Amino acid sequence: MLYICKDKQVPMKGVGKKKRVLFVVNPISGGKKKKGFERRAREGLDADLYDAQFTYSEYAGHANQLGKEAVKDGFDLVVAVGGDGTINEIASALNGTKTALGIIPEGSGNGLALYLGIPLNERAAVRRLNRFETITIDSGTINGLAFFNMAGIGFDASVSDRFANDNIRGPIGYLKAVLSEISTYKPKRYVLDIDGKIFEREAFMISVANSPQYGNNAYVAPQASVTDGALDVCIIHKFPLYTIPMMLFHLFNKTADQSEYVEIVPGKKIRIERDTADSVHVDGEPKEMGATLDITVNPDTLRILC
């Protein structure tokens, strides 16, 4: 989806005063060790353009705190070195400010980074920062918490919860969580109000997409865009287990909207009612929320390098 960046890019002009950049590194994201990251980053970063500092997150919520401090201290750019959860924490701190977000994808899924065309190769992703090309993207909120890629309930929220509590990180750990859940998970009843239109559904899961994909190039909402001022509500209906290979085919071929078990409705103001409080994933991170979920889109709130 590189056309998004090409349409909206704002290249850096001239050398002038150096831009202050803070790298916030999650040392455990994606099961990848980050030892030596600062040295490797400095090798690829243009020292004539950037005055760089590095710090490490130490606990859940710490990256968000570091992002807020960076905004207060006048940094031009904060770079999240981690996965979608780390990106969410920092993006939430930068949302609505002039400070831009950069991404070095080091997670298990890297959904937003892949959608924006940011290289998964660490050195290439660092060199890409030297272009300082930015777009301003939409964000969503679910019961007051911001998300930038995807939020969801049902099966994928249960998987995120199991994955977060497992000691195996990375794609293997995520696959283990999926296989542990898929044979026993039961669809649940939901009532959705999407821009005033009511839908009653029994669903396997519901994803609310700002960008089209979860990560690993699995596209649940192929037509979603981070710059269209709307969210795509993707309702996955109950499906027979024998159709899983076809469902996976649709996910990885950007044709999920063509499946008879998938219903996608764009919206700006969404309320989802469920029978009980349960887990929700917010950019892949599990959160406990009540039976009523209020979701809105917030256009043009986050400046991001791509």
Protein backbone atom coordinates (compact mmCIF):
# COMPACT_ATOMS: atom_id res chain seq x y z
CA MET A 1 0.00 0.00 0.00
CA LEU A 2 2.87 2.35 -0.77
CA TYR A 3 0.57 4.67 -2.73
CA ILE A 4 -0.64 6.11 0.58
CA CYS A 5 2.80 7.41 1.39
CA LYS A 6 3.44 8.59 -2.16
CA ASP A 7 0.21 10.57 -2.25
CA LYS A 8 0.73 12.25 1.11
CA GLN A 9 4.49 12.42 1.61
CA VAL A 10 6.19 15.60 2.81
CA PRO A 11 9.91 15.23 2.10
CA MET A 12 12.46 16.98 4.27
CA LYS A 13 13.89 20.05 2.53
CA GLY A 14 17.37 21.27 3.21
CA VAL A 15 19.64 20.34 6.10
CA GLY A 16 19.21 23.27 8.55
CA LYS A 17 18.78 22.53 12.22
CA LYS A 18 19.01 18.89 13.20
CA LYS A 19 15.81 17.12 14.18
CA ARG A 20 15.70 15.60 17.64
CA VAL A 21 14.71 11.94 17.58
CA LEU A 22 14.10 9.60 20.50
CA PHE A 23 14.21 5.85 19.88
CA VAL A 24 12.04 3.93 22.36
CA VAL A 25 13.08 0.28 22.27
CA ASN A 26 10.95 -2.58 23.59
CA PRO A 27 13.62 -5.15 24.52
CA ILE A 28 11.30 -8.19 24.37
CA SER A 29 8.90 -7.51 21.47
CA GLY A 30 8.50 -10.25 18.90
CA GLY A 31 10.85 -12.51 20.79
CA LYS A 32 13.75 -10.60 19.21
CA LYS A 33 16.73 -9.46 21.26
CA LYS A 34 17.64 -5.81 20.76
CA LYS A 35 21.22 -5.96 22.03
CA GLY A 36 23.39 -3.66 19.91
CA PHE A 37 20.42 -1.82 18.41
CA GLU A 38 21.75 1.65 19.21
CA ARG A 39 25.05 0.93 17.44
CA ARG A 40 23.29 -0.47 14.38
CA ALA A 41 20.82 2.42 14.28
CA ARG A 42 23.55 5.06 14.45
CA GLU A 43 25.32 3.36 11.56
CA GLY A 44 22.24 3.80 9.34
CA LEU A 45 20.95 7.14 10.63
CA ASP A 46 22.03 10.36 8.89
CA ALA A 47 23.90 12.25 11.62
CA ASP A 48 23.60 15.48 9.63
CA LEU A 49 19.82 15.28 9.87
CA TYR A 50 19.26 13.82 13.32
CA ASP A 51 20.35 14.30 16.89
CA ALA A 52 19.44 10.87 18.26
CA GLN A 53 18.79 9.59 21.76
CA PHE A 54 17.88 6.07 22.84
CA THR A 55 15.90 4.64 25.73
CA TYR A 56 14.30 1.30 26.64
CA SER A 57 10.80 0.55 27.90
CA GLU A 58 10.78 -1.48 31.09
CA TYR A 59 7.12 -2.36 31.77
CA ALA A 60 3.64 -2.14 30.29
CA GLY A 61 2.70 1.52 29.81
CA HIS A 62 6.29 2.76 30.07
CA ALA A 63 6.59 3.46 26.33
CA ASN A 64 3.50 5.67 26.56
CA GLN A 65 5.05 7.61 29.43
CA LEU A 66 8.31 8.03 27.51
CA GLY A 67 6.37 9.28 24.49
CA LYS A 68 4.55 11.89 26.56
CA GLU A 69 7.83 13.09 28.04
CA ALA A 70 9.33 13.34 24.53
CA VAL A 71 6.44 15.55 23.39
CA LYS A 72 6.90 17.76 26.44
CA ASP A 73 10.65 17.96 25.79
CA GLY A 74 10.12 19.10 22.20
CA PHE A 75 11.36 16.07 20.25
CA ASP A 76 10.52 16.20 16.54
CA LEU A 77 10.26 12.43 16.17
CA VAL A 78 9.77 9.42 18.44
CA VAL A 79 10.61 6.04 16.91
CA ALA A 80 8.89 2.93 18.25
CA VAL A 81 11.22 -0.07 18.07
CA GLY A 82 8.87 -2.96 18.72
CA GLY A 83 5.54 -4.44 17.73
CA ASP A 84 1.98 -3.15 17.41
CA GLY A 85 1.57 -2.85 21.19
CA THR A 86 4.66 -0.66 21.52
CA ILE A 87 3.53 1.40 18.54
CA ASN A 88 0.11 1.88 20.15
CA GLU A 89 1.59 3.10 23.43
CA ILE A 90 3.80 5.68 21.75
CA ALA A 91 1.27 6.70 19.10
CA SER A 92 -1.30 7.29 21.86
CA ALA A 93 1.16 9.73 23.48
CA LEU A 94 1.85 11.54 20.19
CA ASN A 95 -1.75 11.54 18.92
CA GLY A 96 -2.94 15.08 18.27
CA THR A 97 0.53 16.63 18.66
CA LYS A 98 3.12 17.90 16.18
CA THR A 99 5.60 15.19 17.17
CA ALA A 100 5.87 12.52 14.47
CA LEU A 101 5.98 8.75 14.96
CA GLY A 102 8.58 6.53 13.32
CA ILE A 103 8.48 2.73 13.28
CA ILE A 104 11.19 0.08 13.33
CA PRO A 105 9.02 -3.07 13.16
CA GLU A 106 10.24 -5.70 15.62
CA GLY A 107 6.97 -7.38 16.58
CA SER A 108 5.10 -10.59 15.84
CA GLY A 109 2.62 -9.17 13.31
CA ASN A 110 3.76 -5.64 12.38
CA GLY A 111 0.38 -4.85 10.82
CA LEU A 112 0.61 -1.05 10.55
CA ALA A 113 4.24 -1.12 9.40
CA LEU A 114 3.50 -3.63 6.63
CA TYR A 115 0.51 -1.62 5.45
CA LEU A 116 2.61 1.55 5.23
CA GLY A 117 5.36 -0.25 3.35
CA ILE A 118 7.96 0.12 6.11
CA PRO A 119 10.67 -2.53 5.64
CA LEU A 120 10.80 -5.39 8.12
CA ASN A 121 14.58 -5.43 7.76
CA GLU A 122 15.92 -3.40 10.68
CA ARG A 123 18.71 -1.62 8.82
CA ALA A 124 16.46 -0.75 5.89
CA ALA A 125 13.81 0.61 8.25
CA VAL A 126 16.40 2.83 9.97
CA ARG A 127 17.69 4.17 6.64
CA ARG A 128 14.13 4.94 5.59
CA LEU A 129 13.87 7.42 8.47
CA ASN A 130 16.42 9.59 6.67
CA ARG A 131 13.78 10.54 4.08
CA PHE A 132 11.53 12.06 6.77
CA GLU A 133 8.44 11.56 4.60
CA THR A 134 5.23 11.87 6.58
CA ILE A 135 1.50 11.37 6.32
CA THR A 136 -1.22 12.18 8.83
CA ILE A 137 -3.43 9.20 9.59
CA ASP A 138 -6.74 8.61 11.35
CA SER A 139 -7.06 6.92 14.72
CA GLY A 140 -9.91 5.14 16.43
CA THR A 141 -11.01 5.04 20.05
CA ILE A 142 -12.74 2.18 21.81
CA ASN A 143 -14.16 3.09 25.22
CA GLY A 144 -11.63 5.91 25.35
CA LEU A 145 -8.54 3.91 24.35
CA ALA A 146 -6.85 4.84 21.09
CA PHE A 147 -6.03 2.35 18.35
CA PHE A 148 -4.28 2.93 15.05
CA ASN A 149 -4.34 -0.40 13.25
CA MET A 150 -7.09 -2.69 14.54
CA ALA A 151 -9.34 -3.39 17.51
CA GLY A 152 -11.45 -6.48 17.93
CA ILE A 153 -13.64 -8.73 20.01
CA GLY A 154 -14.44 -12.41 19.97
CA PHE A 155 -11.99 -15.03 18.80
CA ASP A 156 -9.03 -12.74 18.01
CA ALA A 157 -9.37 -11.01 21.40
CA SER A 158 -9.26 -14.43 23.10
CA VAL A 159 -6.17 -15.33 21.09
CA SER A 160 -4.49 -12.03 22.04
CA ASP A 161 -5.27 -12.71 25.69
CA ARG A 162 -3.78 -16.21 25.54
CA PHE A 163 -0.75 -15.00 23.55
CA ALA A 164 -0.04 -12.21 26.07
CA ASN A 165 0.05 -14.75 28.90
CA ASP A 166 2.25 -17.26 27.08
CA ASN A 167 6.02 -17.40 27.42
CA ILE A 168 6.55 -18.06 23.70
CA ARG A 169 6.71 -14.84 21.67
CA GLY A 170 6.88 -14.25 17.93
CA PRO A 171 4.85 -15.88 15.13
CA ILE A 172 5.27 -19.38 16.61
CA GLY A 173 3.76 -18.28 19.90
CA TYR A 174 0.86 -16.59 18.11
CA LEU A 175 0.18 -19.70 16.00
CA LYS A 176 0.19 -21.79 19.17
CA ALA A 177 -2.42 -19.47 20.69
CA VAL A 178 -4.61 -19.68 17.58
CA LEU A 179 -4.51 -23.49 17.50
CA SER A 180 -5.31 -23.66 21.21
CA GLU A 181 -8.44 -21.54 20.80
CA ILE A 182 -9.93 -22.33 17.41
CA SER A 183 -11.39 -25.78 18.07
CA THR A 184 -13.25 -24.77 21.24
CA TYR A 185 -14.22 -21.13 20.73
CA LYS A 186 -17.98 -20.54 20.41
CA PRO A 187 -19.55 -17.63 18.46
CA LYS A 188 -21.37 -14.99 20.53
CA ARG A 189 -24.32 -12.70 20.06
CA TYR A 190 -23.80 -8.99 19.35
CA VAL A 191 -25.98 -5.99 18.59
CA LEU A 192 -24.18 -3.35 16.52
CA ASP A 193 -25.20 0.23 15.89
CA ILE A 194 -23.14 1.52 12.95
CA ASP A 195 -23.93 5.16 12.17
CA GLY A 196 -27.50 4.61 13.32
CA LYS A 197 -28.12 1.36 11.47
CA ILE A 198 -28.78 -1.69 13.69
CA PHE A 199 -27.32 -5.15 13.04
CA GLU A 200 -28.01 -8.21 15.22
CA ARG A 201 -25.43 -10.90 14.63
CA GLU A 202 -24.02 -14.12 16.00
CA ALA A 203 -20.35 -13.71 15.20
CA PHE A 204 -17.12 -15.64 15.56
CA MET A 205 -15.32 -12.33 15.90
CA ILE A 206 -15.66 -8.65 15.01
CA SER A 207 -12.68 -6.58 13.91
CA VAL A 208 -12.80 -2.80 13.67
CA ALA A 209 -10.18 -1.88 11.11
CA ASN A 210 -8.38 1.40 10.60
CA SER A 211 -5.86 -0.31 8.32
CA PRO A 212 -6.68 -3.43 6.28
CA GLN A 213 -4.52 -6.02 8.00
CA TYR A 214 -3.83 -7.70 11.32
CA GLY A 215 -0.20 -8.28 10.47
CA ASN A 216 1.89 -10.83 8.59
CA ASN A 217 -0.02 -9.67 5.46
CA ALA A 218 -3.33 -11.15 6.65
CA TYR A 219 -5.94 -8.71 5.27
CA VAL A 220 -9.27 -8.86 7.11
CA ALA A 221 -10.66 -5.61 5.65
CA PRO A 222 -9.04 -5.17 2.22
CA GLN A 223 -10.69 -1.81 1.46
CA ALA A 224 -9.84 -0.11 4.76
CA SER A 225 -7.62 2.98 4.71
CA VAL A 226 -5.93 4.98 7.45
CA THR A 227 -6.77 8.22 5.64
CA ASP A 228 -10.46 7.83 4.67
CA GLY A 229 -12.05 9.16 7.87
CA ALA A 230 -13.90 5.89 8.55
CA LEU A 231 -13.45 2.50 10.20
CA ASP A 232 -14.35 -0.82 8.60
CA VAL A 233 -16.40 -3.10 10.87
CA CYS A 234 -15.58 -6.65 9.78
CA ILE A 235 -18.03 -9.26 11.09
CA ILE A 236 -16.82 -12.86 10.78
CA HIS A 237 -19.83 -15.17 10.96
CA LYS A 238 -19.77 -18.72 12.26
CA PHE A 239 -18.10 -21.00 9.74
CA PRO A 240 -17.45 -24.77 9.53
CA LEU A 241 -13.93 -25.81 10.53
CA TYR A 242 -13.44 -27.48 7.16
CA THR A 243 -13.57 -24.04 5.51
CA ILE A 244 -10.51 -22.78 7.43
CA PRO A 245 -8.13 -23.30 4.46
CA MET A 246 -10.42 -21.18 2.25
CA MET A 247 -10.76 -18.53 4.97
CA LEU A 248 -6.96 -18.35 5.19
CA PHE A 249 -6.75 -18.11 1.41
CA HIS A 250 -9.05 -15.08 1.47
CA LEU A 251 -7.09 -13.45 4.31
CA PHE A 252 -3.74 -13.72 2.56
CA ASN A 253 -5.05 -12.86 -0.91
CA LYS A 254 -6.84 -9.65 0.13
CA THR A 255 -10.24 -11.15 -0.73
CA ALA A 256 -11.82 -11.53 2.72
CA ASP A 257 -14.68 -9.28 1.57
CA GLN A 258 -15.57 -11.94 -1.02
CA SER A 259 -16.16 -14.69 1.56
CA GLU A 260 -19.76 -15.67 2.33
CA TYR A 261 -18.80 -15.72 6.01
CA VAL A 262 -17.52 -12.13 6.10
CA GLU A 263 -19.59 -8.95 6.29
CA ILE A 264 -17.89 -5.54 6.20
CA VAL A 265 -19.68 -2.29 7.07
CA PRO A 266 -17.83 1.07 7.11
CA GLY A 267 -18.75 3.50 9.85
CA LYS A 268 -17.69 6.52 11.87
CA LYS A 269 -19.63 6.05 15.10
CA ILE A 270 -20.13 2.49 16.31
CA ARG A 271 -21.66 0.91 19.39
CA ILE A 272 -21.40 -2.81 20.06
CA GLU A 273 -23.51 -4.46 22.75
CA ARG A 274 -22.60 -7.93 24.00
CA ASP A 275 -24.05 -10.12 26.74
CA THR A 276 -21.21 -9.75 29.23
CA ALA A 277 -17.95 -7.92 29.86
CA ASP A 278 -15.06 -9.65 28.12
CA SER A 279 -11.65 -9.12 26.59
CA VAL A 280 -11.01 -6.74 23.70
CA HIS A 281 -7.79 -6.43 21.76
CA VAL A 282 -6.52 -2.93 21.04
CA ASP A 283 -3.79 -3.09 18.38
CA GLY A 284 -3.19 -6.67 19.48
CA GLU A 285 -3.00 -5.96 23.21
CA PRO A 286 -5.74 -7.56 25.37
CA LYS A 287 -7.88 -5.27 27.55
CA GLU A 288 -10.87 -6.08 29.74
CA MET A 289 -13.90 -3.96 28.83
CA GLY A 290 -17.59 -3.89 29.67
CA ALA A 291 -20.56 -5.22 27.74
CA THR A 292 -21.00 -1.93 25.82
CA LEU A 293 -18.28 -0.76 23.47
CA ASP A 294 -18.34 2.76 22.01
CA ILE A 295 -16.04 3.22 19.03
CA THR A 296 -15.33 6.35 17.00
CA VAL A 297 -12.97 7.41 14.24
CA ASN A 298 -10.81 10.49 14.72
CA PRO A 299 -9.61 11.83 11.34
CA ASP A 300 -6.09 13.14 10.77
CA THR A 301 -4.71 12.88 14.28
CA LEU A 302 -1.30 11.17 14.02
CA ARG A 303 1.69 12.31 11.99
CA ILE A 304 3.71 9.28 10.99
CA LEU A 305 6.79 8.55 8.89
CA CYS A 306 6.34 6.06 6.08
